[in-house]
Amino acid sequence: MALSKSDILANPALHAVVKQQSSALLAMTEPDPRLAAVFATQQRWLMSHVGLALYFRGLAGGAGNSLQISRFLEAVVAAKIASRNTADSYIKELIHYKYVEVLPSSADRRIRPLAPAPNVLSAIDGWVRIHLHALDRLSGGNRLAVYQAAPDALSRIQPLIADSLLDAHAVRHPAGTFSLFTWLDNGGTVMDWMMANMEEAPKSTGRIAVGAVSTVEMAQRLTLSRTHLARKLKEAEDMGSLGWEGRRGQSVMWVSRAFCDEYATAQAIKLSIVDAAHDAAFEPAGVSGATAG
């Protein structure tokens, strides 16, 4: 039986698991920072899941070229993720950087069949594995092993994850400081960096140090606009969610316990979605990720 958001939030190991998960996600982005940036806003992340789900369902249905620009645009607009123009610009950007490949077609030339590039499939596979490993650490299950044993595992689980992400109000409409960063280019990576670098602190601690932070160096490392990053950090500072022990942007940064808890809640929601998708994809074979030992 899949873990619920409440189950995950009640787990005393959650913050340690989230810290390790954040580190793993950061490490995954290092080989190709541009790829990470392409997917690193809430809107782009959701559009990517829509496109991948269309692709995998096309493969499962025997229509290998079912990921088409027209269908992608329709799906994004129907899900109220973005306007048609925004979705069109996004898919053209993916094609330009060769993260999506245009396949040859003998049918109507106006229909452009697409496929995600191998490095994109590898990235989403890594993303799934990181989250399954986190779930295994929380409950002692063997989800990751079950996933790794299935040759078609990614195509089975990703569309289910996409459906639930689109249906989850808390995912689509995050609040507070988390929402502030989800609309920043690479904002998710900024939050991952903060959480990965948190020092150990008692639950009663209101401010948790994340190390000496240079805004200039962070912007360079994450391929962000220094001005844009500084503006967002200042907004978060005004909300009381982070700050510096000394000079802003040039000393030890701290994040508030409330912001840490907010981030942990967002991760709990996402992990519960991944866990439920894992159960739906693989439990019929007689294995339950949450309960198998």
C-alpha atoms as a PDB file:
ATOM      1  CA  MET A   1       0.000   0.000   0.000  1.00  0.00           C
ATOM      2  CA  ALA A   2       1.415   3.356  -1.030  1.00  0.00           C
ATOM      3  CA  LEU A   3       2.490   5.871   1.595  1.00  0.00           C
ATOM      4  CA  SER A   4       0.239   8.901   1.979  1.00  0.00           C
ATOM      5  CA  LYS A   5       1.449  12.469   2.393  1.00  0.00           C
ATOM      6  CA  SER A   6       0.596  12.230   6.102  1.00  0.00           C
ATOM      7  CA  ASP A   7       2.556   8.977   6.468  1.00  0.00           C
ATOM      8  CA  ILE A   8       5.612  10.585   4.923  1.00  0.00           C
ATOM      9  CA  LEU A   9       5.372  13.798   6.935  1.00  0.00           C
ATOM     10  CA  ALA A  10       5.104  11.791  10.151  1.00  0.00           C
ATOM     11  CA  ASN A  11       8.277   9.828   9.393  1.00  0.00           C
ATOM     12  CA  PRO A  12      11.131  11.068  11.636  1.00  0.00           C
ATOM     13  CA  ALA A  13      13.651  10.284   8.889  1.00  0.00           C
ATOM     14  CA  LEU A  14      11.998  12.611   6.383  1.00  0.00           C
ATOM     15  CA  HIS A  15      14.326  15.591   6.683  1.00  0.00           C
ATOM     16  CA  ALA A  16      17.441  13.406   6.385  1.00  0.00           C
ATOM     17  CA  VAL A  17      15.944  11.637   3.373  1.00  0.00           C
ATOM     18  CA  VAL A  18      14.952  14.919   1.736  1.00  0.00           C
ATOM     19  CA  LYS A  19      18.466  16.273   2.292  1.00  0.00           C
ATOM     20  CA  GLN A  20      19.991  13.240   0.562  1.00  0.00           C
ATOM     21  CA  GLN A  21      17.383  13.391  -2.216  1.00  0.00           C
ATOM     22  CA  SER A  22      18.221  17.046  -2.849  1.00  0.00           C
ATOM     23  CA  SER A  23      21.916  16.188  -3.095  1.00  0.00           C
ATOM     24  CA  ALA A  24      21.169  13.405  -5.568  1.00  0.00           C
ATOM     25  CA  LEU A  25      19.029  15.699  -7.726  1.00  0.00           C
ATOM     26  CA  LEU A  26      21.796  18.312  -7.760  1.00  0.00           C
ATOM     27  CA  ALA A  27      24.379  15.721  -8.776  1.00  0.00           C
ATOM     28  CA  MET A  28      22.135  14.599 -11.613  1.00  0.00           C
ATOM     29  CA  THR A  29      22.032  18.121 -13.091  1.00  0.00           C
ATOM     30  CA  GLU A  30      25.800  18.657 -13.124  1.00  0.00           C
ATOM     31  CA  PRO A  31      26.633  16.807 -16.378  1.00  0.00           C
ATOM     32  CA  ASP A  32      24.164  18.906 -18.399  1.00  0.00           C
ATOM     33  CA  PRO A  33      23.188  22.185 -16.680  1.00  0.00           C
ATOM     34  CA  ARG A  34      21.353  23.376 -19.787  1.00  0.00           C
ATOM     35  CA  LEU A  35      19.076  20.338 -19.712  1.00  0.00           C
ATOM     36  CA  ALA A  36      18.317  21.019 -16.055  1.00  0.00           C
ATOM     37  CA  ALA A  37      17.537  24.653 -16.847  1.00  0.00           C
ATOM     38  CA  VAL A  38      15.184  23.699 -19.684  1.00  0.00           C
ATOM     39  CA  PHE A  39      12.979  21.775 -17.230  1.00  0.00           C
ATOM     40  CA  ALA A  40      13.566  23.844 -14.101  1.00  0.00           C
ATOM     41  CA  THR A  41      10.397  25.862 -13.658  1.00  0.00           C
ATOM     42  CA  GLN A  42       7.046  24.543 -12.476  1.00  0.00           C
ATOM     43  CA  GLN A  43       5.402  25.261 -15.823  1.00  0.00           C
ATOM     44  CA  ARG A  44       8.131  23.618 -17.917  1.00  0.00           C
ATOM     45  CA  TRP A  45       8.335  20.647 -15.567  1.00  0.00           C
ATOM     46  CA  LEU A  46       4.604  19.973 -15.946  1.00  0.00           C
ATOM     47  CA  MET A  47       4.714  20.461 -19.730  1.00  0.00           C
ATOM     48  CA  SER A  48       7.573  17.963 -19.890  1.00  0.00           C
ATOM     49  CA  HIS A  49       5.556  15.378 -17.971  1.00  0.00           C
ATOM     50  CA  VAL A  50       2.620  15.899 -20.352  1.00  0.00           C
ATOM     51  CA  GLY A  51       4.837  15.349 -23.387  1.00  0.00           C
ATOM     52  CA  LEU A  52       6.518  12.263 -21.940  1.00  0.00           C
ATOM     53  CA  ALA A  53       3.168  10.737 -20.992  1.00  0.00           C
ATOM     54  CA  LEU A  54       1.892  11.233 -24.550  1.00  0.00           C
ATOM     55  CA  TYR A  55       5.039   9.607 -25.910  1.00  0.00           C
ATOM     56  CA  PHE A  56       4.946   6.577 -23.614  1.00  0.00           C
ATOM     57  CA  ARG A  57       1.229   6.008 -24.109  1.00  0.00           C
ATOM     58  CA  GLY A  58       1.803   6.166 -27.848  1.00  0.00           C
ATOM     59  CA  LEU A  59       4.414   3.442 -27.574  1.00  0.00           C
ATOM     60  CA  ALA A  60       2.138   1.293 -25.436  1.00  0.00           C
ATOM     61  CA  GLY A  61      -0.679   1.715 -27.950  1.00  0.00           C
ATOM     62  CA  GLY A  62       1.484   0.765 -30.888  1.00  0.00           C
ATOM     63  CA  ALA A  63       1.513   4.320 -32.268  1.00  0.00           C
ATOM     64  CA  GLY A  64       5.178   5.133 -31.864  1.00  0.00           C
ATOM     65  CA  ASN A  65       4.812   8.572 -33.410  1.00  0.00           C
ATOM     66  CA  SER A  66       1.920   9.731 -31.258  1.00  0.00           C
ATOM     67  CA  LEU A  67       3.951  12.534 -29.650  1.00  0.00           C
ATOM     68  CA  GLN A  68       3.081  15.232 -32.122  1.00  0.00           C
ATOM     69  CA  ILE A  69       3.297  18.981 -31.723  1.00  0.00           C
ATOM     70  CA  SER A  70      -0.432  19.428 -32.283  1.00  0.00           C
ATOM     71  CA  ARG A  71      -1.347  16.833 -29.647  1.00  0.00           C
ATOM     72  CA  PHE A  72       1.177  18.244 -27.195  1.00  0.00           C
ATOM     73  CA  LEU A  73      -0.192  21.772 -27.588  1.00  0.00           C
ATOM     74  CA  GLU A  74      -3.766  20.563 -27.170  1.00  0.00           C
ATOM     75  CA  ALA A  75      -2.896  18.595 -24.042  1.00  0.00           C
ATOM     76  CA  VAL A  76      -1.018  21.480 -22.397  1.00  0.00           C
ATOM     77  CA  VAL A  77      -3.846  23.923 -23.076  1.00  0.00           C
ATOM     78  CA  ALA A  78      -6.496  21.426 -21.937  1.00  0.00           C
ATOM     79  CA  ALA A  79      -4.607  20.901 -18.672  1.00  0.00           C
ATOM     80  CA  LYS A  80      -4.418  24.688 -18.198  1.00  0.00           C
ATOM     81  CA  ILE A  81      -0.650  24.611 -17.755  1.00  0.00           C
ATOM     82  CA  ALA A  82       0.222  27.252 -20.350  1.00  0.00           C
ATOM     83  CA  SER A  83      -1.083  29.073 -23.382  1.00  0.00           C
ATOM     84  CA  ARG A  84      -0.735  27.540 -26.826  1.00  0.00           C
ATOM     85  CA  ASN A  85       1.940  30.092 -27.746  1.00  0.00           C
ATOM     86  CA  THR A  86       3.971  29.357 -24.609  1.00  0.00           C
ATOM     87  CA  ALA A  87       3.743  25.604 -25.203  1.00  0.00           C
ATOM     88  CA  ASP A  88       4.700  26.058 -28.861  1.00  0.00           C
ATOM     89  CA  SER A  89       7.762  28.148 -27.923  1.00  0.00           C
ATOM     90  CA  TYR A  90       8.764  25.526 -25.364  1.00  0.00           C
ATOM     91  CA  ILE A  91       8.599  22.568 -27.747  1.00  0.00           C
ATOM     92  CA  LYS A  92      10.540  24.549 -30.365  1.00  0.00           C
ATOM     93  CA  GLU A  93      13.210  25.261 -27.753  1.00  0.00           C
ATOM     94  CA  LEU A  94      13.453  21.544 -26.976  1.00  0.00           C
ATOM     95  CA  ILE A  95      13.817  20.775 -30.677  1.00  0.00           C
ATOM     96  CA  HIS A  96      16.452  23.500 -31.077  1.00  0.00           C
ATOM     97  CA  TYR A  97      18.607  22.069 -28.293  1.00  0.00           C
ATOM     98  CA  LYS A  98      17.983  18.517 -29.578  1.00  0.00           C
ATOM     99  CA  TYR A  99      16.249  17.404 -26.401  1.00  0.00           C
ATOM    100  CA  VAL A 100      13.349  16.371 -28.630  1.00  0.00           C
ATOM    101  CA  GLU A 101      13.985  14.731 -31.998  1.00  0.00           C
ATOM    102  CA  VAL A 102      11.784  15.197 -35.061  1.00  0.00           C
ATOM    103  CA  LEU A 103      11.184  11.782 -36.604  1.00  0.00           C
ATOM    104  CA  PRO A 104      10.689  11.072 -40.307  1.00  0.00           C
ATOM    105  CA  SER A 105       7.105  10.463 -41.333  1.00  0.00           C
ATOM    106  CA  SER A 106       5.555   9.137 -44.516  1.00  0.00           C
ATOM    107  CA  ALA A 107       2.134  10.462 -43.531  1.00  0.00           C
ATOM    108  CA  ASP A 108       0.788  14.020 -43.617  1.00  0.00           C
ATOM    109  CA  ARG A 109       3.794  16.350 -43.647  1.00  0.00           C
ATOM    110  CA  ARG A 110       1.927  18.773 -41.418  1.00  0.00           C
ATOM    111  CA  ILE A 111       2.088  16.190 -38.640  1.00  0.00           C
ATOM    112  CA  ARG A 112       5.510  16.223 -37.016  1.00  0.00           C
ATOM    113  CA  PRO A 113       6.143  13.077 -34.929  1.00  0.00           C
ATOM    114  CA  LEU A 114       8.530  13.668 -32.061  1.00  0.00           C
ATOM    115  CA  ALA A 115      10.544  11.590 -29.595  1.00  0.00           C
ATOM    116  CA  PRO A 116      12.491  12.593 -26.479  1.00  0.00           C
ATOM    117  CA  ALA A 117      16.257  12.342 -26.919  1.00  0.00           C
ATOM    118  CA  PRO A 118      18.125   9.540 -25.079  1.00  0.00           C
ATOM    119  CA  ASN A 119      19.630  11.966 -22.543  1.00  0.00           C
ATOM    120  CA  VAL A 120      16.145  13.230 -21.660  1.00  0.00           C
ATOM    121  CA  LEU A 121      14.887   9.678 -21.105  1.00  0.00           C
ATOM    122  CA  SER A 122      17.977   8.997 -19.001  1.00  0.00           C
ATOM    123  CA  ALA A 123      17.282  12.116 -16.913  1.00  0.00           C
ATOM    124  CA  ILE A 124      13.657  11.244 -16.187  1.00  0.00           C
ATOM    125  CA  ASP A 125      14.697   7.670 -15.392  1.00  0.00           C
ATOM    126  CA  GLY A 126      17.241   9.023 -12.927  1.00  0.00           C
ATOM    127  CA  TRP A 127      14.598  11.297 -11.402  1.00  0.00           C
ATOM    128  CA  VAL A 128      12.274   8.332 -10.841  1.00  0.00           C
ATOM    129  CA  ARG A 129      15.068   6.227  -9.334  1.00  0.00           C
ATOM    130  CA  ILE A 130      16.042   8.978  -6.894  1.00  0.00           C
ATOM    131  CA  HIS A 131      12.472   9.256  -5.621  1.00  0.00           C
ATOM    132  CA  LEU A 132      11.989   5.496  -5.344  1.00  0.00           C
ATOM    133  CA  HIS A 133      15.230   5.246  -3.380  1.00  0.00           C
ATOM    134  CA  ALA A 134      13.948   7.963  -1.033  1.00  0.00           C
ATOM    135  CA  LEU A 135      10.708   6.049  -0.523  1.00  0.00           C
ATOM    136  CA  ASP A 136      12.653   2.856   0.209  1.00  0.00           C
ATOM    137  CA  ARG A 137      14.667   4.708   2.847  1.00  0.00           C
ATOM    138  CA  LEU A 138      11.472   5.923   4.468  1.00  0.00           C
ATOM    139  CA  SER A 139       9.678   2.575   4.625  1.00  0.00           C
ATOM    140  CA  GLY A 140      12.288  -0.126   4.085  1.00  0.00           C
ATOM    141  CA  GLY A 141      10.632  -1.297   0.851  1.00  0.00           C
ATOM    142  CA  ASN A 142      12.183  -2.512  -2.400  1.00  0.00           C
ATOM    143  CA  ARG A 143      10.513  -0.237  -4.923  1.00  0.00           C
ATOM    144  CA  LEU A 144      13.742   0.650  -6.684  1.00  0.00           C
ATOM    145  CA  ALA A 145      14.678  -3.006  -7.173  1.00  0.00           C
ATOM    146  CA  VAL A 146      11.228  -3.756  -8.614  1.00  0.00           C
ATOM    147  CA  TYR A 147      11.520  -0.790 -10.965  1.00  0.00           C
ATOM    148  CA  GLN A 148      15.001  -1.776 -12.096  1.00  0.00           C
ATOM    149  CA  ALA A 149      13.875  -5.332 -12.822  1.00  0.00           C
ATOM    150  CA  ALA A 150      11.221  -4.246 -15.355  1.00  0.00           C
ATOM    151  CA  PRO A 151      12.551  -3.428 -18.850  1.00  0.00           C
ATOM    152  CA  ASP A 152       9.579  -1.175 -19.602  1.00  0.00           C
ATOM    153  CA  ALA A 153       9.461   0.351 -16.127  1.00  0.00           C
ATOM    154  CA  LEU A 154       9.768   4.009 -17.116  1.00  0.00           C
ATOM    155  CA  SER A 155       7.053   3.819 -19.757  1.00  0.00           C
ATOM    156  CA  ARG A 156       4.736   2.170 -17.225  1.00  0.00           C
ATOM    157  CA  ILE A 157       5.220   4.536 -14.310  1.00  0.00           C
ATOM    158  CA  GLN A 158       5.777   7.972 -15.854  1.00  0.00           C
ATOM    159  CA  PRO A 159       2.297   8.495 -17.372  1.00  0.00           C
ATOM    160  CA  LEU A 160       0.742   7.586 -14.004  1.00  0.00           C
ATOM    161  CA  ILE A 161       2.986  10.093 -12.242  1.00  0.00           C
ATOM    162  CA  ALA A 162       2.091  12.752 -14.812  1.00  0.00           C
ATOM    163  CA  ASP A 163      -1.646  12.179 -14.352  1.00  0.00           C
ATOM    164  CA  SER A 164      -1.417  12.583 -10.587  1.00  0.00           C
ATOM    165  CA  LEU A 165       0.829  15.636 -10.761  1.00  0.00           C
ATOM    166  CA  LEU A 166      -1.700  17.344 -13.012  1.00  0.00           C
ATOM    167  CA  ASP A 167      -4.591  16.358 -10.727  1.00  0.00           C
ATOM    168  CA  ALA A 168      -2.926  17.509  -7.488  1.00  0.00           C
ATOM    169  CA  HIS A 169      -4.003  21.008  -6.489  1.00  0.00           C
ATOM    170  CA  ALA A 170      -1.049  21.360  -4.119  1.00  0.00           C
ATOM    171  CA  VAL A 171       1.344  20.590  -6.979  1.00  0.00           C
ATOM    172  CA  ARG A 172      -0.358  22.874  -9.477  1.00  0.00           C
ATOM    173  CA  HIS A 173      -0.809  25.741  -7.035  1.00  0.00           C
ATOM    174  CA  PRO A 174       2.007  25.721  -4.454  1.00  0.00           C
ATOM    175  CA  ALA A 175       1.923  28.421  -1.808  1.00  0.00           C
ATOM    176  CA  GLY A 176       4.380  30.485   0.161  1.00  0.00           C
ATOM    177  CA  THR A 177       8.108  30.579  -0.494  1.00  0.00           C
ATOM    178  CA  PHE A 178       8.013  27.343  -2.461  1.00  0.00           C
ATOM    179  CA  SER A 179       5.744  29.012  -5.011  1.00  0.00           C
ATOM    180  CA  LEU A 180       8.110  31.979  -5.190  1.00  0.00           C
ATOM    181  CA  PHE A 181      10.959  29.756  -6.394  1.00  0.00           C
ATOM    182  CA  THR A 182       8.964  27.445  -8.668  1.00  0.00           C
ATOM    183  CA  TRP A 183       8.513  30.304 -11.149  1.00  0.00           C
ATOM    184  CA  LEU A 184      12.209  31.218 -11.135  1.00  0.00           C
ATOM    185  CA  ASP A 185      14.412  29.708 -13.837  1.00  0.00           C
ATOM    186  CA  ASN A 186      16.244  26.905 -12.033  1.00  0.00           C
ATOM    187  CA  GLY A 187      14.291  27.789  -8.908  1.00  0.00           C
ATOM    188  CA  GLY A 188      13.865  24.139  -8.014  1.00  0.00           C
ATOM    189  CA  THR A 189      17.632  23.704  -8.188  1.00  0.00           C
ATOM    190  CA  VAL A 190      18.097  26.734  -5.916  1.00  0.00           C
ATOM    191  CA  MET A 191      15.836  25.125  -3.307  1.00  0.00           C
ATOM    192  CA  ASP A 192      17.555  21.746  -3.727  1.00  0.00           C
ATOM    193  CA  TRP A 193      20.893  23.443  -3.099  1.00  0.00           C
ATOM    194  CA  MET A 194      19.625  25.087   0.080  1.00  0.00           C
ATOM    195  CA  MET A 195      18.180  21.856   1.452  1.00  0.00           C
ATOM    196  CA  ALA A 196      21.194  19.753   0.463  1.00  0.00           C
ATOM    197  CA  ASN A 197      23.484  22.128   2.367  1.00  0.00           C
ATOM    198  CA  MET A 198      21.418  22.448   5.547  1.00  0.00           C
ATOM    199  CA  GLU A 199      23.379  21.862   8.714  1.00  0.00           C
ATOM    200  CA  GLU A 200      22.084  19.447  11.323  1.00  0.00           C
ATOM    201  CA  ALA A 201      19.853  21.261  13.797  1.00  0.00           C
ATOM    202  CA  PRO A 202      17.241  20.385  16.452  1.00  0.00           C
ATOM    203  CA  LYS A 203      13.596  20.628  15.442  1.00  0.00           C
ATOM    204  CA  SER A 204      13.241  23.589  17.772  1.00  0.00           C
ATOM    205  CA  THR A 205      15.801  25.621  15.800  1.00  0.00           C
ATOM    206  CA  GLY A 206      14.097  28.462  13.973  1.00  0.00           C
ATOM    207  CA  ARG A 207      16.959  29.227  11.597  1.00  0.00           C
ATOM    208  CA  ILE A 208      19.171  26.604   9.956  1.00  0.00           C
ATOM    209  CA  ALA A 209      22.504  27.541   8.376  1.00  0.00           C
ATOM    210  CA  VAL A 210      23.195  26.364   4.816  1.00  0.00           C
ATOM    211  CA  GLY A 211      26.756  27.669   4.503  1.00  0.00           C
ATOM    212  CA  ALA A 212      28.499  30.725   3.139  1.00  0.00           C
ATOM    213  CA  VAL A 213      26.688  31.917   0.042  1.00  0.00           C
ATOM    214  CA  SER A 214      27.858  34.270  -2.653  1.00  0.00           C
ATOM    215  CA  THR A 215      24.935  35.331  -4.821  1.00  0.00           C
ATOM    216  CA  VAL A 216      27.324  35.880  -7.723  1.00  0.00           C
ATOM    217  CA  GLU A 217      28.801  32.379  -7.443  1.00  0.00           C
ATOM    218  CA  MET A 218      25.376  30.772  -7.010  1.00  0.00           C
ATOM    219  CA  ALA A 219      24.062  32.520 -10.120  1.00  0.00           C
ATOM    220  CA  GLN A 220      27.088  31.361 -12.118  1.00  0.00           C
ATOM    221  CA  ARG A 221      26.862  27.794 -10.842  1.00  0.00           C
ATOM    222  CA  LEU A 222      23.167  27.548 -11.660  1.00  0.00           C
ATOM    223  CA  THR A 223      23.377  29.527 -14.945  1.00  0.00           C
ATOM    224  CA  LEU A 224      20.960  32.130 -13.586  1.00  0.00           C
ATOM    225  CA  SER A 225      20.647  35.850 -14.027  1.00  0.00           C
ATOM    226  CA  ARG A 226      22.372  37.374 -11.001  1.00  0.00           C
ATOM    227  CA  THR A 227      19.816  40.180 -10.881  1.00  0.00           C
ATOM    228  CA  HIS A 228      16.859  37.808 -11.105  1.00  0.00           C
ATOM    229  CA  LEU A 229      18.262  35.484  -8.443  1.00  0.00           C
ATOM    230  CA  ALA A 230      19.053  38.373  -6.088  1.00  0.00           C
ATOM    231  CA  ARG A 231      15.516  39.704  -6.501  1.00  0.00           C
ATOM    232  CA  LYS A 232      13.940  36.362  -5.625  1.00  0.00           C
ATOM    233  CA  LEU A 233      16.226  35.865  -2.639  1.00  0.00           C
ATOM    234  CA  LYS A 234      15.291  39.343  -1.409  1.00  0.00           C
ATOM    235  CA  GLU A 235      11.585  38.492  -1.751  1.00  0.00           C
ATOM    236  CA  ALA A 236      12.123  35.310   0.250  1.00  0.00           C
ATOM    237  CA  GLU A 237      14.103  37.289   2.821  1.00  0.00           C
ATOM    238  CA  ASP A 238      11.252  39.777   3.159  1.00  0.00           C
ATOM    239  CA  MET A 239       8.949  36.807   3.847  1.00  0.00           C
ATOM    240  CA  GLY A 240      11.258  35.701   6.664  1.00  0.00           C
ATOM    241  CA  SER A 241      12.119  32.462   4.876  1.00  0.00           C
ATOM    242  CA  LEU A 242      15.861  33.017   4.559  1.00  0.00           C
ATOM    243  CA  GLY A 243      18.556  35.520   5.388  1.00  0.00           C
ATOM    244  CA  TRP A 244      22.241  36.007   6.085  1.00  0.00           C
ATOM    245  CA  GLU A 245      24.153  36.098   9.320  1.00  0.00           C
ATOM    246  CA  GLY A 246      26.268  38.940   7.959  1.00  0.00           C
ATOM    247  CA  ARG A 247      26.336  40.885   4.728  1.00  0.00           C
ATOM    248  CA  ARG A 248      23.589  39.865   2.317  1.00  0.00           C
ATOM    249  CA  GLY A 249      24.849  37.580  -0.432  1.00  0.00           C
ATOM    250  CA  GLN A 250      28.359  37.399   0.999  1.00  0.00           C
ATOM    251  CA  SER A 251      28.082  35.531   4.294  1.00  0.00           C
ATOM    252  CA  VAL A 252      26.477  32.432   5.840  1.00  0.00           C
ATOM    253  CA  MET A 253      22.893  31.996   4.685  1.00  0.00           C
ATOM    254  CA  TRP A 254      20.154  30.577   6.869  1.00  0.00           C
ATOM    255  CA  VAL A 255      16.735  29.209   5.975  1.00  0.00           C
ATOM    256  CA  SER A 256      13.782  29.256   8.329  1.00  0.00           C
ATOM    257  CA  ARG A 257      12.347  26.108   9.870  1.00  0.00           C
ATOM    258  CA  ALA A 258       9.006  27.063   8.321  1.00  0.00           C
ATOM    259  CA  PHE A 259      10.559  27.111   4.847  1.00  0.00           C
ATOM    260  CA  CYS A 260      12.226  23.732   5.479  1.00  0.00           C
ATOM    261  CA  ASP A 261       8.883  22.300   6.560  1.00  0.00           C
ATOM    262  CA  GLU A 262       7.195  23.820   3.513  1.00  0.00           C
ATOM    263  CA  TYR A 263       9.767  22.195   1.234  1.00  0.00           C
ATOM    264  CA  ALA A 264       9.406  18.879   3.058  1.00  0.00           C
ATOM    265  CA  THR A 265       5.624  19.005   2.594  1.00  0.00           C
ATOM    266  CA  ALA A 266       6.035  19.571  -1.136  1.00  0.00           C
ATOM    267  CA  GLN A 267       8.394  16.593  -1.297  1.00  0.00           C
ATOM    268  CA  ALA A 268       5.971  14.450   0.707  1.00  0.00           C
ATOM    269  CA  ILE A 269       3.205  15.208  -1.785  1.00  0.00           C
ATOM    270  CA  LYS A 270       5.461  14.345  -4.718  1.00  0.00           C
ATOM    271  CA  LEU A 271       6.777  11.177  -3.062  1.00  0.00           C
ATOM    272  CA  SER A 272       3.246   9.976  -2.282  1.00  0.00           C
ATOM    273  CA  ILE A 273       2.358  10.470  -5.964  1.00  0.00           C
ATOM    274  CA  VAL A 274       5.408   8.488  -7.099  1.00  0.00           C
ATOM    275  CA  ASP A 275       4.638   5.744  -4.573  1.00  0.00           C
ATOM    276  CA  ALA A 276       1.024   5.404  -5.702  1.00  0.00           C
ATOM    277  CA  ALA A 277       2.166   5.278  -9.339  1.00  0.00           C
ATOM    278  CA  HIS A 278       4.665   2.548  -8.448  1.00  0.00           C
ATOM    279  CA  ASP A 279       1.937   0.482  -6.798  1.00  0.00           C
ATOM    280  CA  ALA A 280      -0.374   0.924  -9.779  1.00  0.00           C
ATOM    281  CA  ALA A 281       2.347   0.063 -12.279  1.00  0.00           C
ATOM    282  CA  PHE A 282       3.898  -2.936 -10.545  1.00  0.00           C
ATOM    283  CA  GLU A 283       1.637  -4.294  -7.767  1.00  0.00           C
ATOM    284  CA  PRO A 284      -0.445  -6.374 -10.241  1.00  0.00           C
ATOM    285  CA  ALA A 285       2.694  -8.448 -10.688  1.00  0.00           C
ATOM    286  CA  GLY A 286       2.428  -9.378  -7.036  1.00  0.00           C
ATOM    287  CA  VAL A 287       4.827  -6.886  -5.500  1.00  0.00           C
ATOM    288  CA  SER A 288       3.927  -3.952  -3.262  1.00  0.00           C
ATOM    289  CA  GLY A 289       6.730  -1.426  -2.970  1.00  0.00           C
ATOM    290  CA  ALA A 290       5.551  -0.068   0.337  1.00  0.00           C
ATOM    291  CA  THR A 291       5.233  -3.378   2.103  1.00  0.00           C
ATOM    292  CA  ALA A 292       7.799  -5.674   0.498  1.00  0.00           C
ATOM    293  CA  GLY A 293      10.807  -6.208   2.727  1.00  0.00           C
END
